[in-house]
Structures are given as structure tokens and as C-alpha cells.
Amino acid sequence: MTVPAFNSVAWFEFGTDQPEKVKEFYGELFDWNYVLNTSTPGVTYHSVMPPGAQQPGGGVWESEGKFPNYAIFYVLVQDVAATVERAGELGAEVLMEPVSDSAGFSFARLQDTAGNHFGVFSAPASAPAS
């Protein structure tokens, strides 16, 4: 498996109150499979496994109606906090401050100067990026 380059889009995520519909649609369209991810307590998250992939390429977060539905891409970066700081200097709005999950992945969500929602993440040194 090829590890994604830093500063490239390396993950995607759907947040939805209708996870079964999302999983069925994209599963049928792209032949994706899903694996329940338990690395973040209190969050129901299914990792997306594209055909032939050894690692997931994205995820489906079950919102349970707690936030609006969305689709977002994430860019792999070396340092989430530094990237968030730089994005702020360039005029981005921080929508979600940097956080880390129990597996050691760090991520944050931003809004660019044109109003687009995107995320950044970094992987623990011992784990593949996606």
C-alpha cells in the first residue's frame, strides 16, 4: 500500500442521521464495505473499506440527528496544530479545534475563506495514514 503524501487529500467522511442509507448507496455504487471503528468512545463510526484496500479510506459518522448531514475531505498534514494556526493566519475559521482519538490520530475542522468546510489530520508515527 502506498502511504499518502503530506498535504494531500487522504480521508473523507460522511456525517449523517441516515447511516444505513449512506452505507447502502455508496456500498452499491462503489462496492465499499464497512467496519465498525471503536477508537472514539461514544461515537458510532464505520470505516469505509474500498475494494482491494488494506486500510480504510474514509468513514461514516452516525450523527443521531445531533448535527446537520455533511460530506468532508481531510488533508494529511505533519502537524495539525501548526496547520490550524497557519490556516487562521490566512483567514480560515476553526470549526473544531484539534483533538486526538484513542488510536493517536489528531484532526481538526476548518472553514476556508470562501466558506468551504474541510479537515486536516495526522496519523501516529506507528500507523499508516489511511
Protein backbone atom coordinates (compact mmCIF):
# COMPACT_ATOMS: atom_id res chain seq x y z
CA MET A 1 0.00 0.00 0.00
CA THR A 2 1.21 3.47 -0.85
CA VAL A 3 1.21 5.93 2.04
CA PRO A 4 -0.39 9.25 1.02
CA ALA A 5 1.90 12.24 0.70
CA PHE A 6 1.69 15.03 3.26
CA ASN A 7 -0.59 17.89 2.20
CA SER A 8 -2.72 15.59 0.03
CA VAL A 9 -6.36 14.59 0.43
CA ALA A 10 -6.15 11.27 2.25
CA TRP A 11 -9.51 10.74 4.03
CA PHE A 12 -13.18 11.54 3.58
CA GLU A 13 -16.09 11.42 5.97
CA PHE A 14 -19.87 11.49 5.89
CA GLY A 15 -21.77 12.71 8.93
CA THR A 16 -25.34 11.52 8.70
CA ASP A 17 -28.55 10.80 10.58
CA GLN A 18 -29.27 8.09 7.98
CA PRO A 19 -26.11 5.94 8.08
CA GLU A 20 -27.74 2.84 6.63
CA LYS A 21 -28.87 4.78 3.55
CA VAL A 22 -25.41 6.28 3.07
CA LYS A 23 -23.68 2.92 3.52
CA GLU A 24 -26.12 1.16 1.20
CA PHE A 25 -25.89 3.80 -1.55
CA TYR A 26 -22.09 4.09 -1.62
CA GLY A 27 -21.66 0.38 -0.98
CA GLU A 28 -23.74 -0.39 -4.06
CA LEU A 29 -22.19 2.39 -6.16
CA PHE A 30 -18.52 1.75 -5.32
CA ASP A 31 -18.59 -1.75 -3.76
CA TRP A 32 -17.48 -0.36 -0.40
CA ASN A 33 -17.58 -2.43 2.79
CA TYR A 34 -17.77 -1.01 6.30
CA VAL A 35 -16.07 -1.88 9.57
CA LEU A 36 -17.23 -0.55 12.95
CA ASN A 37 -14.50 1.64 14.42
CA THR A 38 -14.42 1.77 18.24
CA SER A 39 -11.43 4.11 18.76
CA THR A 40 -13.59 7.04 19.93
CA PRO A 41 -15.92 6.20 22.85
CA GLY A 42 -19.48 7.48 22.48
CA VAL A 43 -19.19 7.81 18.69
CA THR A 44 -20.65 5.33 16.21
CA TYR A 45 -18.23 5.40 13.29
CA HIS A 46 -17.90 2.97 10.39
CA SER A 47 -14.62 2.90 8.48
CA VAL A 48 -15.01 2.62 4.70
CA MET A 49 -13.09 -0.20 3.04
CA PRO A 50 -12.79 0.29 -0.73
CA PRO A 51 -12.43 -2.91 -2.79
CA GLY A 52 -8.94 -4.39 -2.51
CA ALA A 53 -7.79 -1.82 0.05
CA GLN A 54 -5.75 -2.92 3.05
CA GLN A 55 -6.67 0.20 5.02
CA PRO A 56 -9.85 2.28 5.22
CA GLY A 57 -10.13 5.37 3.02
CA GLY A 58 -12.89 7.20 4.86
CA GLY A 59 -15.72 6.91 7.33
CA VAL A 60 -19.40 7.28 8.13
CA TRP A 61 -20.17 9.03 11.42
CA GLU A 62 -23.66 8.40 12.76
CA SER A 63 -24.95 11.80 13.89
CA GLU A 64 -28.17 10.60 15.53
CA GLY A 65 -29.59 13.98 14.49
CA LYS A 66 -27.11 15.92 16.68
CA PHE A 67 -25.63 17.86 13.74
CA PRO A 68 -26.50 18.53 10.08
CA ASN A 69 -25.53 15.96 7.45
CA TYR A 70 -22.26 16.64 5.64
CA ALA A 71 -19.54 15.20 3.45
CA ILE A 72 -15.98 16.41 4.02
CA PHE A 73 -12.44 15.70 2.86
CA TYR A 74 -9.36 15.64 5.10
CA VAL A 75 -5.80 16.59 4.15
CA LEU A 76 -2.93 14.65 5.74
CA VAL A 77 -0.52 17.07 7.46
CA GLN A 78 2.57 16.67 9.61
CA ASP A 79 1.30 18.87 12.46
CA VAL A 80 -2.41 19.55 12.94
CA ALA A 81 -1.98 22.38 15.47
CA ALA A 82 0.58 24.20 13.29
CA THR A 83 -1.63 23.80 10.22
CA VAL A 84 -4.67 25.14 12.09
CA GLU A 85 -2.62 28.11 13.28
CA ARG A 86 -1.38 28.84 9.74
CA ALA A 87 -4.89 28.47 8.31
CA GLY A 88 -6.11 31.01 10.86
CA GLU A 89 -3.38 33.42 9.79
CA LEU A 90 -4.66 33.04 6.22
CA GLY A 91 -8.23 33.86 7.29
CA ALA A 92 -9.74 30.42 7.92
CA GLU A 93 -12.23 29.86 10.70
CA VAL A 94 -11.64 26.99 13.12
CA LEU A 95 -14.83 24.93 13.29
CA MET A 96 -13.39 22.21 15.54
CA GLU A 97 -10.17 22.67 17.49
CA PRO A 98 -7.54 19.91 17.18
CA VAL A 99 -8.44 16.70 19.02
CA SER A 100 -6.93 13.22 19.18
CA ASP A 101 -8.62 9.84 19.37
CA SER A 102 -7.50 6.82 21.39
CA ALA A 103 -5.61 5.44 18.35
CA GLY A 104 -3.43 8.58 18.23
CA PHE A 105 -4.93 10.26 15.16
CA SER A 106 -5.22 14.05 15.50
CA PHE A 107 -7.70 16.06 13.48
CA ALA A 108 -9.42 19.44 13.22
CA ARG A 109 -12.05 21.04 11.00
CA LEU A 110 -11.81 24.41 9.33
CA GLN A 111 -13.74 26.72 7.03
CA ASP A 112 -11.71 28.36 4.27
CA THR A 113 -12.04 31.99 3.25
CA ALA A 114 -14.67 31.07 0.62
CA GLY A 115 -16.85 29.25 3.18
CA ASN A 116 -15.86 25.65 2.35
CA HIS A 117 -15.67 23.12 5.19
CA PHE A 118 -12.61 20.83 5.24
CA GLY A 119 -10.46 18.94 7.71
CA VAL A 120 -6.82 18.21 8.44
CA PHE A 121 -5.39 15.18 10.22
CA SER A 122 -2.16 13.50 11.23
CA ALA A 123 -1.50 9.84 11.94
CA PRO A 124 0.51 8.44 14.84
CA ALA A 125 4.10 7.64 13.83
CA SER A 126 3.48 3.89 14.05
CA ALA A 127 0.28 3.84 11.98
CA PRO A 128 -0.36 4.17 8.24
CA ALA A 129 -2.01 7.46 7.29
CA SER A 130 -5.17 5.94 5.90
